Each structure stands twice: as structure tokens, then as C-alpha cells.
PDB file of N, CA and C in Angstrom:
ATOM      1  N   MET A   1     -63.517  13.567   9.767  1.00  0.00           N
ATOM      2  CA  MET A   1     -62.270  12.857   9.928  1.00  0.00           C
ATOM      3  C   MET A   1     -61.708  12.435   8.589  1.00  0.00           C
ATOM      4  N   ARG A   2     -62.556  11.936   7.701  1.00  0.00           N
ATOM      5  CA  ARG A   2     -62.098  11.445   6.426  1.00  0.00           C
ATOM      6  C   ARG A   2     -61.469  12.551   5.576  1.00  0.00           C
ATOM      7  N   ALA A   3     -62.048  13.752   5.601  1.00  0.00           N
ATOM      8  CA  ALA A   3     -61.516  14.862   4.810  1.00  0.00           C
ATOM      9  C   ALA A   3     -60.103  15.227   5.249  1.00  0.00           C
ATOM     10  N   ARG A   4     -59.794  15.054   6.505  1.00  0.00           N
ATOM     11  CA  ARG A   4     -58.458  15.386   7.007  1.00  0.00           C
ATOM     12  C   ARG A   4     -57.404  14.451   6.437  1.00  0.00           C
ATOM     13  N   LEU A   5     -57.776  13.241   5.994  1.00  0.00           N
ATOM     14  CA  LEU A   5     -56.806  12.314   5.427  1.00  0.00           C
ATOM     15  C   LEU A   5     -56.216  12.851   4.123  1.00  0.00           C
ATOM     16  N   TYR A   6     -56.982  13.621   3.386  1.00  0.00           N
ATOM     17  CA  TYR A   6     -56.556  14.094   2.082  1.00  0.00           C
ATOM     18  C   TYR A   6     -55.941  15.485   2.112  1.00  0.00           C
ATOM     19  N   SER A   7     -56.106  16.196   3.183  1.00  0.00           N
ATOM     20  CA  SER A   7     -55.673  17.583   3.232  1.00  0.00           C
ATOM     21  C   SER A   7     -54.465  17.748   4.141  1.00  0.00           C
ATOM     22  N   ARG A   8     -53.463  18.445   3.634  1.00  0.00           N
ATOM     23  CA  ARG A   8     -52.289  18.760   4.430  1.00  0.00           C
ATOM     24  C   ARG A   8     -52.478  20.078   5.171  1.00  0.00           C
ATOM     25  N   ALA A   9     -53.335  20.914   4.692  1.00  0.00           N
ATOM     26  CA  ALA A   9     -53.537  22.244   5.264  1.00  0.00           C
ATOM     27  C   ALA A   9     -54.613  22.182   6.347  1.00  0.00           C
ATOM     28  N   PRO A  10     -54.550  23.098   7.314  1.00  0.00           N
ATOM     29  CA  PRO A  10     -55.615  23.156   8.318  1.00  0.00           C
ATOM     30  C   PRO A  10     -56.909  23.627   7.664  1.00  0.00           C
ATOM     31  N   PRO A  11     -58.044  23.355   8.290  1.00  0.00           N
ATOM     32  CA  PRO A  11     -59.310  23.795   7.699  1.00  0.00           C
ATOM     33  C   PRO A  11     -59.345  25.312   7.545  1.00  0.00           C
ATOM     34  N   LEU A  12     -60.013  25.751   6.488  1.00  0.00           N
ATOM     35  CA  LEU A  12     -60.113  27.187   6.224  1.00  0.00           C
ATOM     36  C   LEU A  12     -61.013  27.856   7.248  1.00  0.00           C
ATOM     37  N   ARG A  13     -60.649  29.053   7.640  1.00  0.00           N
ATOM     38  CA  ARG A  13     -61.476  29.832   8.562  1.00  0.00           C
ATOM     39  C   ARG A  13     -61.981  31.057   7.816  1.00  0.00           C
ATOM     40  N   THR A  14     -63.264  31.225   7.845  1.00  0.00           N
ATOM     41  CA  THR A  14     -63.853  32.400   7.213  1.00  0.00           C
ATOM     42  C   THR A  14     -64.548  33.228   8.277  1.00  0.00           C
ATOM     43  N   GLY A  15     -64.939  34.419   7.915  1.00  0.00           N
ATOM     44  CA  GLY A  15     -65.548  35.328   8.871  1.00  0.00           C
ATOM     45  C   GLY A  15     -66.982  34.998   9.231  1.00  0.00           C
ATOM     46  N   CYS A  16     -67.663  34.186   8.423  1.00  0.00           N
ATOM     47  CA  CYS A  16     -69.066  33.916   8.711  1.00  0.00           C
ATOM     48  C   CYS A  16     -69.223  32.533   9.350  1.00  0.00           C
ATOM     49  N   PRO A  17     -70.289  32.337  10.131  1.00  0.00           N
ATOM     50  CA  PRO A  17     -70.513  31.039  10.762  1.00  0.00           C
ATOM     51  C   PRO A  17     -70.792  29.957   9.723  1.00  0.00           C
ATOM     52  N   PRO A  18     -70.548  28.670  10.048  1.00  0.00           N
ATOM     53  CA  PRO A  18     -70.712  27.585   9.073  1.00  0.00           C
ATOM     54  C   PRO A  18     -72.090  27.509   8.440  1.00  0.00           C
ATOM     55  N   ALA A  19     -73.161  27.717   9.199  1.00  0.00           N
ATOM     56  CA  ALA A  19     -74.510  27.623   8.637  1.00  0.00           C
ATOM     57  C   ALA A  19     -74.728  28.673   7.560  1.00  0.00           C
ATOM     58  N   ARG A  20     -74.271  29.880   7.809  1.00  0.00           N
ATOM     59  CA  ARG A  20     -74.446  30.956   6.828  1.00  0.00           C
ATOM     60  C   ARG A  20     -73.571  30.703   5.601  1.00  0.00           C
ATOM     61  N   ARG A  21     -72.373  30.182   5.826  1.00  0.00           N
ATOM     62  CA  ARG A  21     -71.461  29.906   4.720  1.00  0.00           C
ATOM     63  C   ARG A  21     -72.074  28.865   3.786  1.00  0.00           C
ATOM     64  N   LEU A  22     -72.708  27.817   4.334  1.00  0.00           N
ATOM     65  CA  LEU A  22     -73.324  26.782   3.515  1.00  0.00           C
ATOM     66  C   LEU A  22     -74.520  27.330   2.749  1.00  0.00           C
ATOM     67  N   ALA A  23     -75.284  28.205   3.369  1.00  0.00           N
ATOM     68  CA  ALA A  23     -76.455  28.754   2.700  1.00  0.00           C
ATOM     69  C   ALA A  23     -76.061  29.670   1.546  1.00  0.00           C
ATOM     70  N   ALA A  24     -74.885  30.290   1.630  1.00  0.00           N
ATOM     71  CA  ALA A  24     -74.475  31.237   0.610  1.00  0.00           C
ATOM     72  C   ALA A  24     -73.933  30.552  -0.645  1.00  0.00           C
ATOM     73  N   VAL A  25     -73.622  29.254  -0.576  1.00  0.00           N
ATOM     74  CA  VAL A  25     -73.040  28.543  -1.706  1.00  0.00           C
ATOM     75  C   VAL A  25     -74.160  28.021  -2.596  1.00  0.00           C
ATOM     76  N   SER A  26     -74.086  28.326  -3.892  1.00  0.00           N
ATOM     77  CA  SER A  26     -75.128  27.883  -4.812  1.00  0.00           C
ATOM     78  C   SER A  26     -74.940  26.400  -5.146  1.00  0.00           C
ATOM     79  N   SER A  27     -75.997  25.797  -5.648  1.00  0.00           N
ATOM     80  CA  SER A  27     -75.913  24.386  -6.018  1.00  0.00           C
ATOM     81  C   SER A  27     -74.964  24.202  -7.210  1.00  0.00           C
ATOM     82  N   LEU A  28     -74.906  25.184  -8.095  1.00  0.00           N
ATOM     83  CA  LEU A  28     -73.970  25.108  -9.217  1.00  0.00           C
ATOM     84  C   LEU A  28     -72.531  25.127  -8.712  1.00  0.00           C
ATOM     85  N   ARG A  29     -72.277  25.990  -7.741  1.00  0.00           N
ATOM     86  CA  ARG A  29     -70.940  26.065  -7.141  1.00  0.00           C
ATOM     87  C   ARG A  29     -70.587  24.748  -6.455  1.00  0.00           C
ATOM     88  N   GLN A  30     -71.532  24.186  -5.717  1.00  0.00           N
ATOM     89  CA  GLN A  30     -71.299  22.919  -5.035  1.00  0.00           C
ATOM     90  C   GLN A  30     -71.000  21.803  -6.030  1.00  0.00           C
ATOM     91  N   SER A  31     -71.744  21.748  -7.118  1.00  0.00           N
ATOM     92  CA  SER A  31     -71.501  20.695  -8.103  1.00  0.00           C
ATOM     93  C   SER A  31     -70.154  20.899  -8.798  1.00  0.00           C
ATOM     94  N   PHE A  32     -69.772  22.150  -9.023  1.00  0.00           N
ATOM     95  CA  PHE A  32     -68.461  22.440  -9.617  1.00  0.00           C
ATOM     96  C   PHE A  32     -67.346  21.976  -8.686  1.00  0.00           C
ATOM     97  N   GLU A  33     -67.470  22.293  -7.389  1.00  0.00           N
ATOM     98  CA  GLU A  33     -66.457  21.884  -6.431  1.00  0.00           C
ATOM     99  C   GLU A  33     -66.435  20.365  -6.266  1.00  0.00           C
ATOM    100  N   ARG A  34     -67.591  19.738  -6.256  1.00  0.00           N
ATOM    101  CA  ARG A  34     -67.669  18.289  -6.124  1.00  0.00           C
ATOM    102  C   ARG A  34     -67.035  17.600  -7.328  1.00  0.00           C
ATOM    103  N   ALA A  35     -67.286  18.125  -8.532  1.00  0.00           N
ATOM    104  CA  ALA A  35     -66.699  17.540  -9.739  1.00  0.00           C
ATOM    105  C   ALA A  35     -65.190  17.745  -9.780  1.00  0.00           C
ATOM    106  N   SER A  36     -64.703  18.810  -9.185  1.00  0.00           N
ATOM    107  CA  SER A  36     -63.274  19.112  -9.189  1.00  0.00           C
ATOM    108  C   SER A  36     -62.500  18.385  -8.100  1.00  0.00           C
ATOM    109  N   LEU A  37     -63.198  17.821  -7.129  1.00  0.00           N
ATOM    110  CA  LEU A  37     -62.535  17.225  -5.975  1.00  0.00           C
ATOM    111  C   LEU A  37     -61.524  16.126  -6.328  1.00  0.00           C
ATOM    112  N   PRO A  38     -61.817  15.173  -7.224  1.00  0.00           N
ATOM    113  CA  PRO A  38     -60.807  14.158  -7.533  1.00  0.00           C
ATOM    114  C   PRO A  38     -59.524  14.757  -8.126  1.00  0.00           C
ATOM    115  N   ALA A  39     -59.670  15.737  -8.996  1.00  0.00           N
ATOM    116  CA  ALA A  39     -58.484  16.360  -9.596  1.00  0.00           C
ATOM    117  C   ALA A  39     -57.698  17.154  -8.559  1.00  0.00           C
ATOM    118  N   VAL A  40     -58.392  17.825  -7.655  1.00  0.00           N
ATOM    119  CA  VAL A  40     -57.719  18.594  -6.613  1.00  0.00           C
ATOM    120  C   VAL A  40     -56.977  17.653  -5.663  1.00  0.00           C
ATOM    121  N   ARG A  41     -57.597  16.541  -5.312  1.00  0.00           N
ATOM    122  CA  ARG A  41     -56.922  15.564  -4.454  1.00  0.00           C
ATOM    123  C   ARG A  41     -55.687  14.995  -5.148  1.00  0.00           C
ATOM    124  N   TRP A  42     -55.799  14.738  -6.445  1.00  0.00           N
ATOM    125  CA  TRP A  42     -54.649  14.223  -7.198  1.00  0.00           C
ATOM    126  C   TRP A  42     -53.520  15.253  -7.207  1.00  0.00           C
ATOM    127  N   LEU A  43     -53.859  16.511  -7.471  1.00  0.00           N
ATOM    128  CA  LEU A  43     -52.848  17.573  -7.449  1.00  0.00           C
ATOM    129  C   LEU A  43     -52.232  17.724  -6.063  1.00  0.00           C
ATOM    130  N   ASP A  44     -53.038  17.558  -5.032  1.00  0.00           N
ATOM    131  CA  ASP A  44     -52.547  17.691  -3.662  1.00  0.00           C
ATOM    132  C   ASP A  44     -51.542  16.586  -3.321  1.00  0.00           C
ATOM    133  N   GLY A  45     -51.675  15.444  -3.967  1.00  0.00           N
ATOM    134  CA  GLY A  45     -50.769  14.333  -3.716  1.00  0.00           C
ATOM    135  C   GLY A  45     -49.429  14.457  -4.414  1.00  0.00           C
ATOM    136  N   LEU A  46     -49.312  15.369  -5.369  1.00  0.00           N
ATOM    137  CA  LEU A  46     -48.063  15.546  -6.105  1.00  0.00           C
ATOM    138  C   LEU A  46     -47.050  16.327  -5.269  1.00  0.00           C
ATOM    139  N   PRO A  47     -45.761  16.145  -5.559  1.00  0.00           N
ATOM    140  CA  PRO A  47     -44.767  17.013  -4.899  1.00  0.00           C
ATOM    141  C   PRO A  47     -45.079  18.478  -5.205  1.00  0.00           C
ATOM    142  N   ARG A  48     -44.818  19.341  -4.255  1.00  0.00           N
ATOM    143  CA  ARG A  48     -45.240  20.745  -4.325  1.00  0.00           C
ATOM    144  C   ARG A  48     -44.748  21.475  -5.579  1.00  0.00           C
ATOM    145  N   ALA A  49     -43.531  21.205  -6.033  1.00  0.00           N
ATOM    146  CA  ALA A  49     -42.967  21.931  -7.167  1.00  0.00           C
ATOM    147  C   ALA A  49     -43.425  21.374  -8.517  1.00  0.00           C
ATOM    148  N   LEU A  50     -43.935  20.155  -8.556  1.00  0.00           N
ATOM    149  CA  LEU A  50     -44.260  19.524  -9.834  1.00  0.00           C
ATOM    150  C   LEU A  50     -45.329  20.261 -10.649  1.00  0.00           C
ATOM    151  N   PRO A  51     -46.469  20.666 -10.081  1.00  0.00           N
ATOM    152  CA  PRO A  51     -47.440  21.401 -10.908  1.00  0.00           C
ATOM    153  C   PRO A  51     -46.856  22.683 -11.513  1.00  0.00           C
ATOM    154  N   PHE A  52     -46.060  23.411 -10.727  1.00  0.00           N
ATOM    155  CA  PHE A  52     -45.417  24.619 -11.249  1.00  0.00           C
ATOM    156  C   PHE A  52     -44.499  24.278 -12.415  1.00  0.00           C
ATOM    157  N   LEU A  53     -43.700  23.231 -12.256  1.00  0.00           N
ATOM    158  CA  LEU A  53     -42.767  22.843 -13.320  1.00  0.00           C
ATOM    159  C   LEU A  53     -43.509  22.367 -14.571  1.00  0.00           C
ATOM    160  N   LEU A  54     -44.630  21.685 -14.394  1.00  0.00           N
ATOM    161  CA  LEU A  54     -45.429  21.261 -15.550  1.00  0.00           C
ATOM    162  C   LEU A  54     -46.002  22.462 -16.300  1.00  0.00           C
ATOM    163  N   VAL A  55     -46.528  23.433 -15.563  1.00  0.00           N
ATOM    164  CA  VAL A  55     -47.065  24.642 -16.199  1.00  0.00           C
ATOM    165  C   VAL A  55     -45.951  25.386 -16.925  1.00  0.00           C
ATOM    166  N   LEU A  56     -44.806  25.518 -16.281  1.00  0.00           N
ATOM    167  CA  LEU A  56     -43.663  26.189 -16.905  1.00  0.00           C
ATOM    168  C   LEU A  56     -43.229  25.473 -18.177  1.00  0.00           C
ATOM    169  N   ALA A  57     -43.159  24.143 -18.126  1.00  0.00           N
ATOM    170  CA  ALA A  57     -42.765  23.369 -19.311  1.00  0.00           C
ATOM    171  C   ALA A  57     -43.773  23.535 -20.442  1.00  0.00           C
ATOM    172  N   LEU A  58     -45.058  23.534 -20.121  1.00  0.00           N
ATOM    173  CA  LEU A  58     -46.079  23.721 -21.160  1.00  0.00           C
ATOM    174  C   LEU A  58     -45.993  25.102 -21.791  1.00  0.00           C
ATOM    175  N   VAL A  59     -45.754  26.130 -20.982  1.00  0.00           N
ATOM    176  CA  VAL A  59     -45.654  27.491 -21.521  1.00  0.00           C
ATOM    177  C   VAL A  59     -44.423  27.618 -22.411  1.00  0.00           C
ATOM    178  N   VAL A  60     -43.287  27.134 -21.952  1.00  0.00           N
ATOM    179  CA  VAL A  60     -42.056  27.226 -22.747  1.00  0.00           C
ATOM    180  C   VAL A  60     -42.209  26.440 -24.038  1.00  0.00           C
ATOM    181  N   ALA A  61     -42.763  25.230 -23.964  1.00  0.00           N
ATOM    182  CA  ALA A  61     -42.983  24.438 -25.176  1.00  0.00           C
ATOM    183  C   ALA A  61     -43.968  25.136 -26.101  1.00  0.00           C
ATOM    184  N   GLY A  62     -45.019  25.731 -25.548  1.00  0.00           N
ATOM    185  CA  GLY A  62     -46.000  26.431 -26.371  1.00  0.00           C
ATOM    186  C   GLY A  62     -45.424  27.635 -27.087  1.00  0.00           C
ATOM    187  N   VAL A  63     -44.464  28.303 -26.454  1.00  0.00           N
ATOM    188  CA  VAL A  63     -43.831  29.467 -27.076  1.00  0.00           C
ATOM    189  C   VAL A  63     -42.817  29.037 -28.130  1.00  0.00           C
ATOM    190  N   LEU A  64     -42.089  27.974 -27.870  1.00  0.00           N
ATOM    191  CA  LEU A  64     -41.004  27.569 -28.765  1.00  0.00           C
ATOM    192  C   LEU A  64     -41.433  26.681 -29.921  1.00  0.00           C
ATOM    193  N   LEU A  65     -42.507  25.925 -29.763  1.00  0.00           N
ATOM    194  CA  LEU A  65     -42.946  25.046 -30.843  1.00  0.00           C
ATOM    195  C   LEU A  65     -43.623  25.841 -31.955  1.00  0.00           C
ATOM    196  N   PRO A  66     -43.586  25.314 -33.179  1.00  0.00           N
ATOM    197  CA  PRO A  66     -44.259  26.013 -34.283  1.00  0.00           C
ATOM    198  C   PRO A  66     -45.787  25.983 -34.135  1.00  0.00           C
ATOM    199  N   ALA A  67     -46.462  26.405 -35.160  1.00  0.00           N
ATOM    200  CA  ALA A  67     -47.893  26.732 -35.205  1.00  0.00           C
ATOM    201  C   ALA A  67     -48.817  26.080 -34.179  1.00  0.00           C
ATOM    202  N   PRO A  68     -48.936  24.772 -34.048  1.00  0.00           N
ATOM    203  CA  PRO A  68     -49.927  24.280 -33.076  1.00  0.00           C
ATOM    204  C   PRO A  68     -49.446  24.336 -31.618  1.00  0.00           C
ATOM    205  N   GLY A  69     -48.270  24.876 -31.366  1.00  0.00           N
ATOM    206  CA  GLY A  69     -47.752  24.975 -30.008  1.00  0.00           C
ATOM    207  C   GLY A  69     -48.608  25.838 -29.098  1.00  0.00           C
ATOM    208  N   TRP A  70     -49.363  26.760 -29.670  1.00  0.00           N
ATOM    209  CA  TRP A  70     -50.212  27.627 -28.856  1.00  0.00           C
ATOM    210  C   TRP A  70     -51.302  26.836 -28.136  1.00  0.00           C
ATOM    211  N   LEU A  71     -51.598  25.621 -28.612  1.00  0.00           N
ATOM    212  CA  LEU A  71     -52.588  24.791 -27.925  1.00  0.00           C
ATOM    213  C   LEU A  71     -52.123  24.419 -26.514  1.00  0.00           C
ATOM    214  N   LEU A  72     -50.812  24.267 -26.342  1.00  0.00           N
ATOM    215  CA  LEU A  72     -50.275  23.987 -25.010  1.00  0.00           C
ATOM    216  C   LEU A  72     -50.518  25.158 -24.062  1.00  0.00           C
ATOM    217  N   ILE A  73     -50.378  26.362 -24.594  1.00  0.00           N
ATOM    218  CA  ILE A  73     -50.649  27.548 -23.781  1.00  0.00           C
ATOM    219  C   ILE A  73     -52.144  27.627 -23.469  1.00  0.00           C
ATOM    220  N   GLY A  74     -52.979  27.184 -24.401  1.00  0.00           N
ATOM    221  CA  GLY A  74     -54.419  27.130 -24.157  1.00  0.00           C
ATOM    222  C   GLY A  74     -54.759  26.197 -23.001  1.00  0.00           C
ATOM    223  N   VAL A  75     -54.053  25.077 -22.909  1.00  0.00           N
ATOM    224  CA  VAL A  75     -54.253  24.152 -21.789  1.00  0.00           C
ATOM    225  C   VAL A  75     -53.885  24.842 -20.474  1.00  0.00           C
ATOM    226  N   VAL A  76     -52.773  25.577 -20.479  1.00  0.00           N
ATOM    227  CA  VAL A  76     -52.339  26.296 -19.279  1.00  0.00           C
ATOM    228  C   VAL A  76     -53.389  27.340 -18.879  1.00  0.00           C
ATOM    229  N   VAL A  77     -53.926  28.068 -19.835  1.00  0.00           N
ATOM    230  CA  VAL A  77     -54.956  29.075 -19.541  1.00  0.00           C
ATOM    231  C   VAL A  77     -56.179  28.413 -18.912  1.00  0.00           C
ATOM    232  N   LEU A  78     -56.601  27.283 -19.460  1.00  0.00           N
ATOM    233  CA  LEU A  78     -57.772  26.591 -18.912  1.00  0.00           C
ATOM    234  C   LEU A  78     -57.519  26.095 -17.487  1.00  0.00           C
ATOM    235  N   VAL A  79     -56.334  25.542 -17.237  1.00  0.00           N
ATOM    236  CA  VAL A  79     -56.014  25.046 -15.895  1.00  0.00           C
ATOM    237  C   VAL A  79     -55.953  26.200 -14.896  1.00  0.00           C
ATOM    238  N   LEU A  80     -55.296  27.297 -15.282  1.00  0.00           N
ATOM    239  CA  LEU A  80     -55.203  28.448 -14.382  1.00  0.00           C
ATOM    240  C   LEU A  80     -56.578  29.053 -14.104  1.00  0.00           C
ATOM    241  N   ALA A  81     -57.421  29.115 -15.130  1.00  0.00           N
ATOM    242  CA  ALA A  81     -58.776  29.649 -14.940  1.00  0.00           C
ATOM    243  C   ALA A  81     -59.593  28.729 -14.029  1.00  0.00           C
ATOM    244  N   TRP A  82     -59.424  27.413 -14.168  1.00  0.00           N
ATOM    245  CA  TRP A  82     -60.126  26.448 -13.318  1.00  0.00           C
ATOM    246  C   TRP A  82     -59.700  26.615 -11.856  1.00  0.00           C
ATOM    247  N   ILE A  83     -58.394  26.741 -11.615  1.00  0.00           N
ATOM    248  CA  ILE A  83     -57.900  26.925 -10.253  1.00  0.00           C
ATOM    249  C   ILE A  83     -58.395  28.256  -9.680  1.00  0.00           C
ATOM    250  N   LEU A  84     -58.409  29.286 -10.514  1.00  0.00           N
ATOM    251  CA  LEU A  84     -58.914  30.587 -10.065  1.00  0.00           C
ATOM    252  C   LEU A  84     -60.390  30.494  -9.690  1.00  0.00           C
ATOM    253  N   ALA A  85     -61.178  29.804 -10.502  1.00  0.00           N
ATOM    254  CA  ALA A  85     -62.606  29.667 -10.211  1.00  0.00           C
ATOM    255  C   ALA A  85     -62.835  28.896  -8.909  1.00  0.00           C
ATOM    256  N   LEU A  86     -62.016  27.887  -8.654  1.00  0.00           N
ATOM    257  CA  LEU A  86     -62.158  27.129  -7.409  1.00  0.00           C
ATOM    258  C   LEU A  86     -61.812  27.977  -6.191  1.00  0.00           C
ATOM    259  N   ALA A  87     -60.780  28.793  -6.311  1.00  0.00           N
ATOM    260  CA  ALA A  87     -60.300  29.566  -5.168  1.00  0.00           C
ATOM    261  C   ALA A  87     -61.031  30.890  -4.993  1.00  0.00           C
ATOM    262  N   TRP A  88     -61.788  31.338  -5.963  1.00  0.00           N
ATOM    263  CA  TRP A  88     -62.382  32.679  -5.985  1.00  0.00           C
ATOM    264  C   TRP A  88     -63.093  33.086  -4.690  1.00  0.00           C
ATOM    265  N   PRO A  89     -63.975  32.270  -4.122  1.00  0.00           N
ATOM    266  CA  PRO A  89     -64.696  32.729  -2.915  1.00  0.00           C
ATOM    267  C   PRO A  89     -63.788  32.944  -1.708  1.00  0.00           C
ATOM    268  N   ARG A  90     -62.636  32.323  -1.689  1.00  0.00           N
ATOM    269  CA  ARG A  90     -61.763  32.408  -0.523  1.00  0.00           C
ATOM    270  C   ARG A  90     -60.646  33.430  -0.688  1.00  0.00           C
ATOM    271  N   LEU A  91     -60.587  34.110  -1.812  1.00  0.00           N
ATOM    272  CA  LEU A  91     -59.515  35.066  -2.079  1.00  0.00           C
ATOM    273  C   LEU A  91     -59.925  36.479  -1.685  1.00  0.00           C
ATOM    274  N   SER A  92     -58.931  37.264  -1.282  1.00  0.00           N
ATOM    275  CA  SER A  92     -59.178  38.688  -1.021  1.00  0.00           C
ATOM    276  C   SER A  92     -59.186  39.429  -2.353  1.00  0.00           C
ATOM    277  N   GLY A  93     -59.532  40.696  -2.319  1.00  0.00           N
ATOM    278  CA  GLY A  93     -59.585  41.490  -3.547  1.00  0.00           C
ATOM    279  C   GLY A  93     -58.246  41.572  -4.259  1.00  0.00           C
ATOM    280  N   ALA A  94     -57.159  41.773  -3.513  1.00  0.00           N
ATOM    281  CA  ALA A  94     -55.827  41.859  -4.115  1.00  0.00           C
ATOM    282  C   ALA A  94     -55.406  40.527  -4.715  1.00  0.00           C
ATOM    283  N   GLU A  95     -55.728  39.439  -4.031  1.00  0.00           N
ATOM    284  CA  GLU A  95     -55.376  38.116  -4.561  1.00  0.00           C
ATOM    285  C   GLU A  95     -56.146  37.815  -5.837  1.00  0.00           C
ATOM    286  N   ARG A  96     -57.410  38.200  -5.870  1.00  0.00           N
ATOM    287  CA  ARG A  96     -58.211  38.009  -7.083  1.00  0.00           C
ATOM    288  C   ARG A  96     -57.612  38.790  -8.248  1.00  0.00           C
ATOM    289  N   LEU A  97     -57.237  40.028  -7.978  1.00  0.00           N
ATOM    290  CA  LEU A  97     -56.665  40.872  -9.021  1.00  0.00           C
ATOM    291  C   LEU A  97     -55.355  40.296  -9.561  1.00  0.00           C
ATOM    292  N   MET A  98     -54.493  39.828  -8.658  1.00  0.00           N
ATOM    293  CA  MET A  98     -53.217  39.259  -9.104  1.00  0.00           C
ATOM    294  C   MET A  98     -53.432  37.998  -9.939  1.00  0.00           C
ATOM    295  N   ARG A  99     -54.326  37.146  -9.510  1.00  0.00           N
ATOM    296  CA  ARG A  99     -54.555  35.903 -10.253  1.00  0.00           C
ATOM    297  C   ARG A  99     -55.255  36.166 -11.580  1.00  0.00           C
ATOM    298  N   LEU A 100     -56.147  37.146 -11.612  1.00  0.00           N
ATOM    299  CA  LEU A 100     -56.761  37.534 -12.889  1.00  0.00           C
ATOM    300  C   LEU A 100     -55.703  38.093 -13.842  1.00  0.00           C
ATOM    301  N   ALA A 101     -54.739  38.835 -13.300  1.00  0.00           N
ATOM    302  CA  ALA A 101     -53.666  39.387 -14.133  1.00  0.00           C
ATOM    303  C   ALA A 101     -52.826  38.267 -14.748  1.00  0.00           C
ATOM    304  N   VAL A 102     -52.562  37.217 -13.992  1.00  0.00           N
ATOM    305  CA  VAL A 102     -51.787  36.088 -14.524  1.00  0.00           C
ATOM    306  C   VAL A 102     -52.563  35.402 -15.641  1.00  0.00           C
ATOM    307  N   VAL A 103     -53.853  35.168 -15.445  1.00  0.00           N
ATOM    308  CA  VAL A 103     -54.660  34.541 -16.495  1.00  0.00           C
ATOM    309  C   VAL A 103     -54.735  35.450 -17.713  1.00  0.00           C
ATOM    310  N   ALA A 104     -54.893  36.758 -17.512  1.00  0.00           N
ATOM    311  CA  ALA A 104     -54.938  37.693 -18.642  1.00  0.00           C
ATOM    312  C   ALA A 104     -53.608  37.717 -19.389  1.00  0.00           C
ATOM    313  N   LEU A 105     -52.503  37.664 -18.671  1.00  0.00           N
ATOM    314  CA  LEU A 105     -51.192  37.610 -19.320  1.00  0.00           C
ATOM    315  C   LEU A 105     -51.057  36.352 -20.159  1.00  0.00           C
ATOM    316  N   MET A 106     -51.510  35.232 -19.636  1.00  0.00           N
ATOM    317  CA  MET A 106     -51.429  33.987 -20.401  1.00  0.00           C
ATOM    318  C   MET A 106     -52.350  34.017 -21.622  1.00  0.00           C
ATOM    319  N   VAL A 107     -53.504  34.666 -21.498  1.00  0.00           N
ATOM    320  CA  VAL A 107     -54.391  34.816 -22.662  1.00  0.00           C
ATOM    321  C   VAL A 107     -53.713  35.687 -23.723  1.00  0.00           C
ATOM    322  N   ALA A 108     -53.011  36.736 -23.299  1.00  0.00           N
ATOM    323  CA  ALA A 108     -52.288  37.587 -24.247  1.00  0.00           C
ATOM    324  C   ALA A 108     -51.189  36.793 -24.960  1.00  0.00           C
ATOM    325  N   VAL A 109     -50.470  35.962 -24.223  1.00  0.00           N
ATOM    326  CA  VAL A 109     -49.445  35.113 -24.843  1.00  0.00           C
ATOM    327  C   VAL A 109     -50.103  34.138 -25.817  1.00  0.00           C
ATOM    328  N   LEU A 110     -51.232  33.574 -25.417  1.00  0.00           N
ATOM    329  CA  LEU A 110     -51.969  32.647 -26.282  1.00  0.00           C
ATOM    330  C   LEU A 110     -52.367  33.320 -27.598  1.00  0.00           C
ATOM    331  N   VAL A 111     -52.926  34.520 -27.498  1.00  0.00           N
ATOM    332  CA  VAL A 111     -53.372  35.229 -28.713  1.00  0.00           C
ATOM    333  C   VAL A 111     -52.197  35.581 -29.605  1.00  0.00           C
ATOM    334  N   THR A 112     -51.092  36.042 -29.015  1.00  0.00           N
ATOM    335  CA  THR A 112     -49.938  36.401 -29.843  1.00  0.00           C
ATOM    336  C   THR A 112     -49.313  35.169 -30.501  1.00  0.00           C
ATOM    337  N   GLN A 113     -49.407  34.013 -29.866  1.00  0.00           N
ATOM    338  CA  GLN A 113     -48.886  32.793 -30.484  1.00  0.00           C
ATOM    339  C   GLN A 113     -49.839  32.242 -31.529  1.00  0.00           C
ATOM    340  N   ALA A 114     -51.136  32.326 -31.284  1.00  0.00           N
ATOM    341  CA  ALA A 114     -52.126  31.760 -32.199  1.00  0.00           C
ATOM    342  C   ALA A 114     -52.313  32.615 -33.450  1.00  0.00           C
ATOM    343  N   VAL A 115     -52.176  33.931 -33.316  1.00  0.00           N
ATOM    344  CA  VAL A 115     -52.379  34.850 -34.441  1.00  0.00           C
ATOM    345  C   VAL A 115     -51.122  35.713 -34.597  1.00  0.00           C
ATOM    346  N   PRO A 116     -50.064  35.158 -35.189  1.00  0.00           N
ATOM    347  CA  PRO A 116     -48.832  35.941 -35.333  1.00  0.00           C
ATOM    348  C   PRO A 116     -48.997  37.067 -36.359  1.00  0.00           C
ATOM    349  N   ARG A 117     -48.214  38.138 -36.179  1.00  0.00           N
ATOM    350  CA  ARG A 117     -48.266  39.249 -37.132  1.00  0.00           C
ATOM    351  C   ARG A 117     -47.447  38.897 -38.358  1.00  0.00           C
ATOM    352  N   GLY A 118     -47.899  39.402 -39.477  1.00  0.00           N
ATOM    353  CA  GLY A 118     -47.131  39.333 -40.713  1.00  0.00           C
ATOM    354  C   GLY A 118     -47.189  38.045 -41.345  1.00  0.00           C
TER     355      GLY A 118
END
């Protein structure tokens, strides 16, 4: 009951029974998810468009600011990688590929900003 207070979405349904699903999760994974729970709840409480707008603002600022601006893009890469790691077990193959492509694109932008040519 308590978990439903924090979640707007219905509970996730997976193909395997609950007992098997719990056995398949490693203790490292559980501790990672447990440590991430306060931040995920905080993000869940924000208006839906705000996280997107914050990421967009950080990327634009990171591209437009001089030399240390690439650090802002580094923050975006870390946040996107963290969200990807949290969602990984529940994503299909195509969803994993698309999200990996977004993180790889942001890493490419980070490298081009951090190590400019010429």
C-alpha cells in the first residue's frame, strides 16, 4: 500500500512469476535500486516536462559555454547512464539499443567539447 502512494504508474508486469523475479535480482542490483529510490521518488514528484527541460538546458549551456562547459554535458551523461542502468532489466532489446544510442551520442558531444580540434 505504501509504495502506491509514491507511484503514479500501475505496477510493472513481467513475464515471470514474482518469486522467480526476486531470485533473479542480485544483491548488488537491489542495493543500487535501494540507493536510487529517494532520487527516483524526487524526480517522480516533479512536473513531467521539468527533467527534460533541465537536461536540455544543461546540454545547450554545455555546448555554448567556453572550456569548462563540457562538465555540464558530463553531468547529463552520468544522469542518462544512471537512468538507463535503473531501467535496463525492464527494457526490450530495441529500447535498450535506442537508449544506449542516446548515451553514446551524448558521450560523443562530451568528447568533442572537451577535446576541441586545432
